[in-house]
PDB file of N, CA and C in Angstrom:
ATOM      1  N   MET A   1      24.315 -62.389  58.145  1.00  0.00           N
ATOM      2  CA  MET A   1      24.755 -62.292  56.765  1.00  0.00           C
ATOM      3  C   MET A   1      24.200 -60.989  56.179  1.00  0.00           C
ATOM      4  N   ARG A   2      25.062 -60.278  55.485  1.00  0.00           N
ATOM      5  CA  ARG A   2      24.704 -59.002  54.885  1.00  0.00           C
ATOM      6  C   ARG A   2      24.521 -59.192  53.383  1.00  0.00           C
ATOM      7  N   ILE A   3      23.459 -58.625  52.827  1.00  0.00           N
ATOM      8  CA  ILE A   3      23.207 -58.683  51.390  1.00  0.00           C
ATOM      9  C   ILE A   3      23.169 -57.249  50.868  1.00  0.00           C
ATOM     10  N   ASP A   4      24.073 -56.929  49.936  1.00  0.00           N
ATOM     11  CA  ASP A   4      24.138 -55.601  49.348  1.00  0.00           C
ATOM     12  C   ASP A   4      23.795 -55.695  47.868  1.00  0.00           C
ATOM     13  N   VAL A   5      23.051 -54.713  47.375  1.00  0.00           N
ATOM     14  CA  VAL A   5      22.747 -54.608  45.949  1.00  0.00           C
ATOM     15  C   VAL A   5      23.193 -53.227  45.503  1.00  0.00           C
ATOM     16  N   VAL A   6      24.163 -53.201  44.577  1.00  0.00           N
ATOM     17  CA  VAL A   6      24.764 -51.953  44.127  1.00  0.00           C
ATOM     18  C   VAL A   6      24.476 -51.792  42.638  1.00  0.00           C
ATOM     19  N   GLY A   7      24.163 -50.586  42.215  1.00  0.00           N
ATOM     20  CA  GLY A   7      23.918 -50.310  40.808  1.00  0.00           C
ATOM     21  C   GLY A   7      24.962 -49.381  40.237  1.00  0.00           C
ATOM     22  N   ARG A   8      25.464 -49.708  39.063  1.00  0.00           N
ATOM     23  CA  ARG A   8      26.403 -48.847  38.343  1.00  0.00           C
ATOM     24  C   ARG A   8      25.761 -48.496  37.016  1.00  0.00           C
ATOM     25  N   ASN A   9      25.545 -47.224  36.755  1.00  0.00           N
ATOM     26  CA  ASN A   9      24.865 -46.718  35.558  1.00  0.00           C
ATOM     27  C   ASN A   9      23.423 -47.204  35.492  1.00  0.00           C
ATOM     28  N   ILE A  10      22.872 -47.574  36.624  1.00  0.00           N
ATOM     29  CA  ILE A  10      21.486 -48.045  36.686  1.00  0.00           C
ATOM     30  C   ILE A  10      20.961 -47.762  38.099  1.00  0.00           C
ATOM     31  N   ALA A  11      19.707 -47.349  38.172  1.00  0.00           N
ATOM     32  CA  ALA A  11      19.082 -47.113  39.473  1.00  0.00           C
ATOM     33  C   ALA A  11      18.493 -48.433  39.973  1.00  0.00           C
ATOM     34  N   VAL A  12      18.841 -48.805  41.186  1.00  0.00           N
ATOM     35  CA  VAL A  12      18.356 -50.054  41.768  1.00  0.00           C
ATOM     36  C   VAL A  12      16.980 -49.807  42.373  1.00  0.00           C
ATOM     37  N   THR A  13      15.980 -50.491  41.836  1.00  0.00           N
ATOM     38  CA  THR A  13      14.620 -50.345  42.332  1.00  0.00           C
ATOM     39  C   THR A  13      14.374 -51.338  43.468  1.00  0.00           C
ATOM     40  N   ASP A  14      13.262 -51.152  44.152  1.00  0.00           N
ATOM     41  CA  ASP A  14      12.905 -52.078  45.228  1.00  0.00           C
ATOM     42  C   ASP A  14      12.669 -53.488  44.687  1.00  0.00           C
ATOM     43  N   ALA A  15      12.111 -53.593  43.483  1.00  0.00           N
ATOM     44  CA  ALA A  15      11.861 -54.904  42.882  1.00  0.00           C
ATOM     45  C   ALA A  15      13.177 -55.627  42.593  1.00  0.00           C
ATOM     46  N   MET A  16      14.161 -54.902  42.087  1.00  0.00           N
ATOM     47  CA  MET A  16      15.481 -55.500  41.832  1.00  0.00           C
ATOM     48  C   MET A  16      16.130 -55.953  43.132  1.00  0.00           C
ATOM     49  N   ARG A  17      16.047 -55.101  44.148  1.00  0.00           N
ATOM     50  CA  ARG A  17      16.644 -55.421  45.447  1.00  0.00           C
ATOM     51  C   ARG A  17      15.973 -56.658  46.053  1.00  0.00           C
ATOM     52  N   GLU A  18      14.659 -56.725  45.973  1.00  0.00           N
ATOM     53  CA  GLU A  18      13.915 -57.871  46.512  1.00  0.00           C
ATOM     54  C   GLU A  18      14.249 -59.154  45.757  1.00  0.00           C
ATOM     55  N   TYR A  19      14.390 -59.065  44.430  1.00  0.00           N
ATOM     56  CA  TYR A  19      14.711 -60.227  43.606  1.00  0.00           C
ATOM     57  C   TYR A  19      16.106 -60.755  43.954  1.00  0.00           C
ATOM     58  N   CYS A  20      17.071 -59.859  44.080  1.00  0.00           N
ATOM     59  CA  CYS A  20      18.429 -60.264  44.444  1.00  0.00           C
ATOM     60  C   CYS A  20      18.453 -60.868  45.849  1.00  0.00           C
ATOM     61  N   THR A  21      17.704 -60.299  46.775  1.00  0.00           N
ATOM     62  CA  THR A  21      17.661 -60.817  48.140  1.00  0.00           C
ATOM     63  C   THR A  21      17.067 -62.215  48.175  1.00  0.00           C
ATOM     64  N   SER A  22      16.019 -62.449  47.385  1.00  0.00           N
ATOM     65  CA  SER A  22      15.412 -63.788  47.364  1.00  0.00           C
ATOM     66  C   SER A  22      16.359 -64.812  46.753  1.00  0.00           C
ATOM     67  N   LYS A  23      17.117 -64.410  45.736  1.00  0.00           N
ATOM     68  CA  LYS A  23      18.094 -65.314  45.130  1.00  0.00           C
ATOM     69  C   LYS A  23      19.255 -65.587  46.096  1.00  0.00           C
ATOM     70  N   ALA A  24      19.681 -64.577  46.827  1.00  0.00           N
ATOM     71  CA  ALA A  24      20.817 -64.718  47.742  1.00  0.00           C
ATOM     72  C   ALA A  24      20.464 -65.564  48.957  1.00  0.00           C
ATOM     73  N   ALA A  25      19.192 -65.642  49.292  1.00  0.00           N
ATOM     74  CA  ALA A  25      18.778 -66.416  50.470  1.00  0.00           C
ATOM     75  C   ALA A  25      19.068 -67.903  50.306  1.00  0.00           C
ATOM     76  N   LYS A  26      19.201 -68.382  49.075  1.00  0.00           N
ATOM     77  CA  LYS A  26      19.453 -69.799  48.823  1.00  0.00           C
ATOM     78  C   LYS A  26      20.925 -70.176  48.961  1.00  0.00           C
ATOM     79  N   LEU A  27      21.825 -69.221  48.922  1.00  0.00           N
ATOM     80  CA  LEU A  27      23.256 -69.504  48.862  1.00  0.00           C
ATOM     81  C   LEU A  27      23.901 -69.978  50.174  1.00  0.00           C
ATOM     82  N   PRO A  28      23.528 -69.474  51.347  1.00  0.00           N
ATOM     83  CA  PRO A  28      24.239 -69.883  52.567  1.00  0.00           C
ATOM     84  C   PRO A  28      24.058 -71.350  52.956  1.00  0.00           C
ATOM     85  N   LYS A  29      23.076 -72.048  52.403  1.00  0.00           N
ATOM     86  CA  LYS A  29      22.836 -73.435  52.802  1.00  0.00           C
ATOM     87  C   LYS A  29      24.020 -74.347  52.453  1.00  0.00           C
ATOM     88  N   PHE A  30      24.869 -73.918  51.525  1.00  0.00           N
ATOM     89  CA  PHE A  30      25.987 -74.747  51.110  1.00  0.00           C
ATOM     90  C   PHE A  30      27.157 -74.698  52.088  1.00  0.00           C
ATOM     91  N   LEU A  31      27.295 -73.628  52.867  1.00  0.00           N
ATOM     92  CA  LEU A  31      28.480 -73.480  53.712  1.00  0.00           C
ATOM     93  C   LEU A  31      28.167 -73.277  55.188  1.00  0.00           C
ATOM     94  N   ASP A  32      27.044 -73.674  55.654  1.00  0.00           N
ATOM     95  CA  ASP A  32      26.722 -73.745  57.085  1.00  0.00           C
ATOM     96  C   ASP A  32      27.150 -72.531  57.901  1.00  0.00           C
ATOM     97  N   GLY A  33      26.669 -71.365  57.542  1.00  0.00           N
ATOM     98  CA  GLY A  33      26.903 -70.176  58.354  1.00  0.00           C
ATOM     99  C   GLY A  33      28.235 -69.481  58.179  1.00  0.00           C
ATOM    100  N   SER A  34      29.074 -69.926  57.256  1.00  0.00           N
ATOM    101  CA  SER A  34      30.354 -69.241  57.089  1.00  0.00           C
ATOM    102  C   SER A  34      30.289 -68.142  56.033  1.00  0.00           C
ATOM    103  N   VAL A  35      29.124 -67.930  55.424  1.00  0.00           N
ATOM    104  CA  VAL A  35      28.948 -66.833  54.474  1.00  0.00           C
ATOM    105  C   VAL A  35      28.714 -65.554  55.269  1.00  0.00           C
ATOM    106  N   GLN A  36      29.588 -64.569  55.071  1.00  0.00           N
ATOM    107  CA  GLN A  36      29.489 -63.322  55.823  1.00  0.00           C
ATOM    108  C   GLN A  36      28.704 -62.247  55.081  1.00  0.00           C
ATOM    109  N   ALA A  37      28.939 -62.137  53.763  1.00  0.00           N
ATOM    110  CA  ALA A  37      28.278 -61.085  52.990  1.00  0.00           C
ATOM    111  C   ALA A  37      28.123 -61.529  51.546  1.00  0.00           C
ATOM    112  N   ILE A  38      27.047 -61.061  50.932  1.00  0.00           N
ATOM    113  CA  ILE A  38      26.788 -61.311  49.517  1.00  0.00           C
ATOM    114  C   ILE A  38      26.541 -59.956  48.872  1.00  0.00           C
ATOM    115  N   THR A  39      27.267 -59.673  47.789  1.00  0.00           N
ATOM    116  CA  THR A  39      27.128 -58.389  47.098  1.00  0.00           C
ATOM    117  C   THR A  39      26.786 -58.621  45.635  1.00  0.00           C
ATOM    118  N   PHE A  40      25.672 -58.046  45.204  1.00  0.00           N
ATOM    119  CA  PHE A  40      25.297 -58.035  43.790  1.00  0.00           C
ATOM    120  C   PHE A  40      25.654 -56.662  43.243  1.00  0.00           C
ATOM    121  N   THR A  41      26.359 -56.622  42.119  1.00  0.00           N
ATOM    122  CA  THR A  41      26.642 -55.366  41.428  1.00  0.00           C
ATOM    123  C   THR A  41      25.970 -55.446  40.062  1.00  0.00           C
ATOM    124  N   LEU A  42      24.988 -54.583  39.843  1.00  0.00           N
ATOM    125  CA  LEU A  42      24.223 -54.568  38.600  1.00  0.00           C
ATOM    126  C   LEU A  42      24.699 -53.402  37.747  1.00  0.00           C
ATOM    127  N   THR A  43      24.960 -53.658  36.466  1.00  0.00           N
ATOM    128  CA  THR A  43      25.468 -52.620  35.576  1.00  0.00           C
ATOM    129  C   THR A  43      24.659 -52.581  34.289  1.00  0.00           C
ATOM    130  N   LYS A  44      24.719 -51.430  33.642  1.00  0.00           N
ATOM    131  CA  LYS A  44      24.125 -51.285  32.315  1.00  0.00           C
ATOM    132  C   LYS A  44      25.198 -50.715  31.407  1.00  0.00           C
ATOM    133  N   ASP A  45      25.425 -51.400  30.281  1.00  0.00           N
ATOM    134  CA  ASP A  45      26.438 -50.982  29.320  1.00  0.00           C
ATOM    135  C   ASP A  45      25.742 -50.204  28.212  1.00  0.00           C
ATOM    136  N   ASP A  46      25.956 -48.903  28.179  1.00  0.00           N
ATOM    137  CA  ASP A  46      25.304 -48.051  27.184  1.00  0.00           C
ATOM    138  C   ASP A  46      26.114 -47.919  25.904  1.00  0.00           C
ATOM    139  N   HIS A  47      27.272 -48.543  25.830  1.00  0.00           N
ATOM    140  CA  HIS A  47      28.119 -48.411  24.652  1.00  0.00           C
ATOM    141  C   HIS A  47      27.580 -49.189  23.461  1.00  0.00           C
ATOM    142  N   HIS A  48      26.879 -50.270  23.713  1.00  0.00           N
ATOM    143  CA  HIS A  48      26.291 -51.044  22.623  1.00  0.00           C
ATOM    144  C   HIS A  48      24.951 -50.439  22.222  1.00  0.00           C
ATOM    145  N   ALA A  49      24.533 -50.674  20.995  1.00  0.00           N
ATOM    146  CA  ALA A  49      23.294 -50.090  20.493  1.00  0.00           C
ATOM    147  C   ALA A  49      22.083 -50.604  21.264  1.00  0.00           C
ATOM    148  N   HIS A  50      22.081 -51.887  21.602  1.00  0.00           N
ATOM    149  CA  HIS A  50      20.918 -52.467  22.272  1.00  0.00           C
ATOM    150  C   HIS A  50      21.018 -52.383  23.788  1.00  0.00           C
ATOM    151  N   GLY A  51      22.186 -52.139  24.297  1.00  0.00           N
ATOM    152  CA  GLY A  51      22.373 -52.047  25.745  1.00  0.00           C
ATOM    153  C   GLY A  51      22.289 -53.411  26.408  1.00  0.00           C
ATOM    154  N   GLN A  52      23.320 -53.772  27.112  1.00  0.00           N
ATOM    155  CA  GLN A  52      23.322 -55.036  27.828  1.00  0.00           C
ATOM    156  C   GLN A  52      23.434 -54.769  29.314  1.00  0.00           C
ATOM    157  N   PHE A  53      22.857 -55.678  30.072  1.00  0.00           N
ATOM    158  CA  PHE A  53      22.948 -55.602  31.517  1.00  0.00           C
ATOM    159  C   PHE A  53      23.973 -56.610  32.002  1.00  0.00           C
ATOM    160  N   GLY A  54      24.664 -56.255  33.044  1.00  0.00           N
ATOM    161  CA  GLY A  54      25.638 -57.156  33.632  1.00  0.00           C
ATOM    162  C   GLY A  54      25.329 -57.349  35.101  1.00  0.00           C
ATOM    163  N   ALA A  55      25.674 -58.515  35.597  1.00  0.00           N
ATOM    164  CA  ALA A  55      25.503 -58.803  37.017  1.00  0.00           C
ATOM    165  C   ALA A  55      26.788 -59.451  37.524  1.00  0.00           C
ATOM    166  N   GLU A  56      27.211 -59.035  38.682  1.00  0.00           N
ATOM    167  CA  GLU A  56      28.382 -59.608  39.323  1.00  0.00           C
ATOM    168  C   GLU A  56      27.973 -60.008  40.733  1.00  0.00           C
ATOM    169  N   LEU A  57      28.395 -61.175  41.148  1.00  0.00           N
ATOM    170  CA  LEU A  57      28.079 -61.689  42.473  1.00  0.00           C
ATOM    171  C   LEU A  57      29.389 -61.952  43.208  1.00  0.00           C
ATOM    172  N   ILE A  58      29.518 -61.377  44.397  1.00  0.00           N
ATOM    173  CA  ILE A  58      30.689 -61.611  45.236  1.00  0.00           C
ATOM    174  C   ILE A  58      30.180 -62.189  46.553  1.00  0.00           C
ATOM    175  N   ILE A  59      30.691 -63.377  46.892  1.00  0.00           N
ATOM    176  CA  ILE A  59      30.286 -64.052  48.124  1.00  0.00           C
ATOM    177  C   ILE A  59      31.496 -64.079  49.055  1.00  0.00           C
ATOM    178  N   ASP A  60      31.372 -63.401  50.181  1.00  0.00           N
ATOM    179  CA  ASP A  60      32.453 -63.322  51.170  1.00  0.00           C
ATOM    180  C   ASP A  60      32.271 -64.459  52.171  1.00  0.00           C
ATOM    181  N   VAL A  61      33.270 -65.350  52.229  1.00  0.00           N
ATOM    182  CA  VAL A  61      33.207 -66.540  53.070  1.00  0.00           C
ATOM    183  C   VAL A  61      34.373 -66.515  54.055  1.00  0.00           C
ATOM    184  N   GLN A  62      34.111 -66.946  55.305  1.00  0.00           N
ATOM    185  CA  GLN A  62      35.173 -67.019  56.304  1.00  0.00           C
ATOM    186  C   GLN A  62      36.221 -68.040  55.893  1.00  0.00           C
ATOM    187  N   HIS A  63      37.471 -67.722  56.152  1.00  0.00           N
ATOM    188  CA  HIS A  63      38.609 -68.623  55.947  1.00  0.00           C
ATOM    189  C   HIS A  63      38.757 -69.094  54.505  1.00  0.00           C
ATOM    190  N   HIS A  64      38.330 -68.283  53.554  1.00  0.00           N
ATOM    191  CA  HIS A  64      38.474 -68.618  52.138  1.00  0.00           C
ATOM    192  C   HIS A  64      38.419 -67.314  51.355  1.00  0.00           C
ATOM    193  N   LYS A  65      39.048 -67.297  50.198  1.00  0.00           N
ATOM    194  CA  LYS A  65      38.953 -66.099  49.370  1.00  0.00           C
ATOM    195  C   LYS A  65      37.525 -65.968  48.827  1.00  0.00           C
ATOM    196  N   ASP A  66      37.176 -64.777  48.394  1.00  0.00           N
ATOM    197  CA  ASP A  66      35.827 -64.514  47.909  1.00  0.00           C
ATOM    198  C   ASP A  66      35.518 -65.323  46.654  1.00  0.00           C
ATOM    199  N   PHE A  67      34.265 -65.746  46.538  1.00  0.00           N
ATOM    200  CA  PHE A  67      33.777 -66.385  45.327  1.00  0.00           C
ATOM    201  C   PHE A  67      33.177 -65.285  44.456  1.00  0.00           C
ATOM    202  N   VAL A  68      33.554 -65.244  43.179  1.00  0.00           N
ATOM    203  CA  VAL A  68      33.108 -64.187  42.276  1.00  0.00           C
ATOM    204  C   VAL A  68      32.533 -64.811  41.017  1.00  0.00           C
ATOM    205  N   ALA A  69      31.376 -64.269  40.556  1.00  0.00           N
ATOM    206  CA  ALA A  69      30.753 -64.737  39.320  1.00  0.00           C
ATOM    207  C   ALA A  69      30.261 -63.518  38.533  1.00  0.00           C
ATOM    208  N   HIS A  70      30.371 -63.582  37.206  1.00  0.00           N
ATOM    209  CA  HIS A  70      29.941 -62.506  36.313  1.00  0.00           C
ATOM    210  C   HIS A  70      29.029 -63.078  35.235  1.00  0.00           C
ATOM    211  N   HIS A  71      28.098 -62.249  34.751  1.00  0.00           N
ATOM    212  CA  HIS A  71      27.295 -62.640  33.592  1.00  0.00           C
ATOM    213  C   HIS A  71      26.697 -61.383  32.957  1.00  0.00           C
ATOM    214  N   HIS A  72      26.618 -61.380  31.619  1.00  0.00           N
ATOM    215  CA  HIS A  72      26.006 -60.286  30.862  1.00  0.00           C
ATOM    216  C   HIS A  72      24.869 -60.852  30.028  1.00  0.00           C
ATOM    217  N   ASP A  73      23.775 -60.088  29.931  1.00  0.00           N
ATOM    218  CA  ASP A  73      22.610 -60.534  29.175  1.00  0.00           C
ATOM    219  C   ASP A  73      21.789 -59.311  28.776  1.00  0.00           C
ATOM    220  N   LYS A  74      20.890 -59.503  27.828  1.00  0.00           N
ATOM    221  CA  LYS A  74      20.009 -58.398  27.418  1.00  0.00           C
ATOM    222  C   LYS A  74      18.919 -58.143  28.452  1.00  0.00           C
ATOM    223  N   ASP A  75      18.607 -59.159  29.257  1.00  0.00           N
ATOM    224  CA  ASP A  75      17.596 -59.048  30.306  1.00  0.00           C
ATOM    225  C   ASP A  75      18.297 -59.046  31.665  1.00  0.00           C
ATOM    226  N   LEU A  76      18.018 -58.054  32.481  1.00  0.00           N
ATOM    227  CA  LEU A  76      18.678 -57.928  33.774  1.00  0.00           C
ATOM    228  C   LEU A  76      18.359 -59.102  34.691  1.00  0.00           C
ATOM    229  N   TYR A  77      17.101 -59.504  34.729  1.00  0.00           N
ATOM    230  CA  TYR A  77      16.714 -60.593  35.629  1.00  0.00           C
ATOM    231  C   TYR A  77      17.316 -61.927  35.194  1.00  0.00           C
ATOM    232  N   ALA A  78      17.490 -62.131  33.894  1.00  0.00           N
ATOM    233  CA  ALA A  78      18.163 -63.338  33.399  1.00  0.00           C
ATOM    234  C   ALA A  78      19.634 -63.329  33.816  1.00  0.00           C
ATOM    235  N   ALA A  79      20.256 -62.152  33.785  1.00  0.00           N
ATOM    236  CA  ALA A  79      21.653 -62.035  34.218  1.00  0.00           C
ATOM    237  C   ALA A  79      21.780 -62.344  35.708  1.00  0.00           C
ATOM    238  N   ILE A  80      20.819 -61.885  36.503  1.00  0.00           N
ATOM    239  CA  ILE A  80      20.829 -62.177  37.938  1.00  0.00           C
ATOM    240  C   ILE A  80      20.664 -63.676  38.175  1.00  0.00           C
ATOM    241  N   ASP A  81      19.749 -64.305  37.431  1.00  0.00           N
ATOM    242  CA  ASP A  81      19.545 -65.757  37.559  1.00  0.00           C
ATOM    243  C   ASP A  81      20.821 -66.523  37.242  1.00  0.00           C
ATOM    244  N   MET A  82      21.470 -66.170  36.144  1.00  0.00           N
ATOM    245  CA  MET A  82      22.665 -66.896  35.717  1.00  0.00           C
ATOM    246  C   MET A  82      23.830 -66.691  36.686  1.00  0.00           C
ATOM    247  N   VAL A  83      24.005 -65.479  37.171  1.00  0.00           N
ATOM    248  CA  VAL A  83      25.118 -65.220  38.091  1.00  0.00           C
ATOM    249  C   VAL A  83      24.872 -65.939  39.422  1.00  0.00           C
ATOM    250  N   THR A  84      23.621 -66.057  39.825  1.00  0.00           N
ATOM    251  CA  THR A  84      23.302 -66.793  41.051  1.00  0.00           C
ATOM    252  C   THR A  84      23.586 -68.282  40.874  1.00  0.00           C
ATOM    253  N   GLU A  85      23.249 -68.825  39.704  1.00  0.00           N
ATOM    254  CA  GLU A  85      23.540 -70.235  39.427  1.00  0.00           C
ATOM    255  C   GLU A  85      25.048 -70.491  39.415  1.00  0.00           C
ATOM    256  N   LYS A  86      25.815 -69.572  38.838  1.00  0.00           N
ATOM    257  CA  LYS A  86      27.269 -69.730  38.813  1.00  0.00           C
ATOM    258  C   LYS A  86      27.850 -69.700  40.229  1.00  0.00           C
ATOM    259  N   GLY A  87      27.368 -68.768  41.045  1.00  0.00           N
ATOM    260  CA  GLY A  87      27.832 -68.693  42.427  1.00  0.00           C
ATOM    261  C   GLY A  87      27.449 -69.929  43.224  1.00  0.00           C
ATOM    262  N   GLU A  88      26.241 -70.422  42.997  1.00  0.00           N
ATOM    263  CA  GLU A  88      25.781 -71.636  43.667  1.00  0.00           C
ATOM    264  C   GLU A  88      26.656 -72.826  43.288  1.00  0.00           C
ATOM    265  N   ARG A  89      27.001 -72.926  42.012  1.00  0.00           N
ATOM    266  CA  ARG A  89      27.860 -74.024  41.543  1.00  0.00           C
ATOM    267  C   ARG A  89      29.240 -73.949  42.202  1.00  0.00           C
ATOM    268  N   GLN A  90      29.785 -72.742  42.323  1.00  0.00           N
ATOM    269  CA  GLN A  90      31.088 -72.588  42.966  1.00  0.00           C
ATOM    270  C   GLN A  90      31.037 -73.017  44.429  1.00  0.00           C
ATOM    271  N   LEU A  91      29.975 -72.625  45.138  1.00  0.00           N
ATOM    272  CA  LEU A  91      29.851 -72.996  46.542  1.00  0.00           C
ATOM    273  C   LEU A  91      29.657 -74.509  46.695  1.00  0.00           C
ATOM    274  N   ARG A  92      28.855 -75.098  45.814  1.00  0.00           N
ATOM    275  CA  ARG A  92      28.619 -76.546  45.868  1.00  0.00           C
ATOM    276  C   ARG A  92      29.917 -77.307  45.619  1.00  0.00           C
ATOM    277  N   ASP A  93      30.683 -76.881  44.620  1.00  0.00           N
ATOM    278  CA  ASP A  93      31.954 -77.537  44.329  1.00  0.00           C
ATOM    279  C   ASP A  93      32.927 -77.411  45.500  1.00  0.00           C
ATOM    280  N   HIS A  94      32.967 -76.242  46.117  1.00  0.00           N
ATOM    281  CA  HIS A  94      33.847 -76.030  47.261  1.00  0.00           C
ATOM    282  C   HIS A  94      33.439 -76.932  48.426  1.00  0.00           C
ATOM    283  N   LYS A  95      32.146 -77.053  48.660  1.00  0.00           N
ATOM    284  CA  LYS A  95      31.657 -77.903  49.746  1.00  0.00           C
ATOM    285  C   LYS A  95      32.022 -79.369  49.498  1.00  0.00           C
ATOM    286  N   GLU A  96      31.866 -79.824  48.258  1.00  0.00           N
ATOM    287  CA  GLU A  96      32.199 -81.210  47.927  1.00  0.00           C
ATOM    288  C   GLU A  96      33.692 -81.466  48.087  1.00  0.00           C
ATOM    289  N   GLN A  97      34.524 -80.536  47.666  1.00  0.00           N
ATOM    290  CA  GLN A  97      35.979 -80.689  47.812  1.00  0.00           C
ATOM    291  C   GLN A  97      36.368 -80.740  49.281  1.00  0.00           C
ATOM    292  N   ARG A  98      35.722 -79.904  50.086  1.00  0.00           N
ATOM    293  CA  ARG A  98      36.015 -79.868  51.517  1.00  0.00           C
ATOM    294  C   ARG A  98      35.611 -81.175  52.193  1.00  0.00           C
ATOM    295  N   GLN A  99      34.471 -81.724  51.808  1.00  0.00           N
ATOM    296  CA  GLN A  99      34.005 -82.979  52.398  1.00  0.00           C
ATOM    297  C   GLN A  99      34.882 -84.148  51.978  1.00  0.00           C
ATOM    298  N   GLN A 100      35.328 -84.182  50.742  1.00  0.00           N
ATOM    299  CA  GLN A 100      36.181 -85.257  50.283  1.00  0.00           C
ATOM    300  C   GLN A 100      37.557 -85.201  50.915  1.00  0.00           C
ATOM    301  N   GLY A 101      38.015 -84.031  51.257  1.00  0.00           N
ATOM    302  CA  GLY A 101      39.322 -83.877  51.880  1.00  0.00           C
ATOM    303  C   GLY A 101      39.360 -84.390  53.307  1.00  0.00           C
ATOM    304  N   HIS A 102      38.219 -84.434  53.975  1.00  0.00           N
ATOM    305  CA  HIS A 102      38.173 -84.883  55.361  1.00  0.00           C
ATOM    306  C   HIS A 102      38.022 -86.400  55.481  1.00  0.00           C
ATOM    307  N   ARG A 103      37.787 -87.096  54.391  1.00  0.00           N
ATOM    308  CA  ARG A 103      37.582 -88.544  54.457  1.00  0.00           C
ATOM    309  C   ARG A 103      38.880 -89.284  54.338  1.00  0.00           C
TER     310      ARG A 103
END
């Protein structure tokens, strides 16, 4: 499984990369090895006076379209937490639907 952390209008530090990697490590448990790649895209919006950070999570899964989650917040790490929770919820729901379909 490949984990990518990309920054747009923001420099990705080692701490950000490590935080995203630790959050992404929890995601493959829902789909038993069919997760191929996880990409975090971190952005900073300078158009607003206070500046907001955005996080996007794309989970590439075999035999299914990509799972995508977005979140914007004033705190970058809070945005990463929320986008990870959204992605986790999508994977959990997909797993439950798949299991119910086989019964």
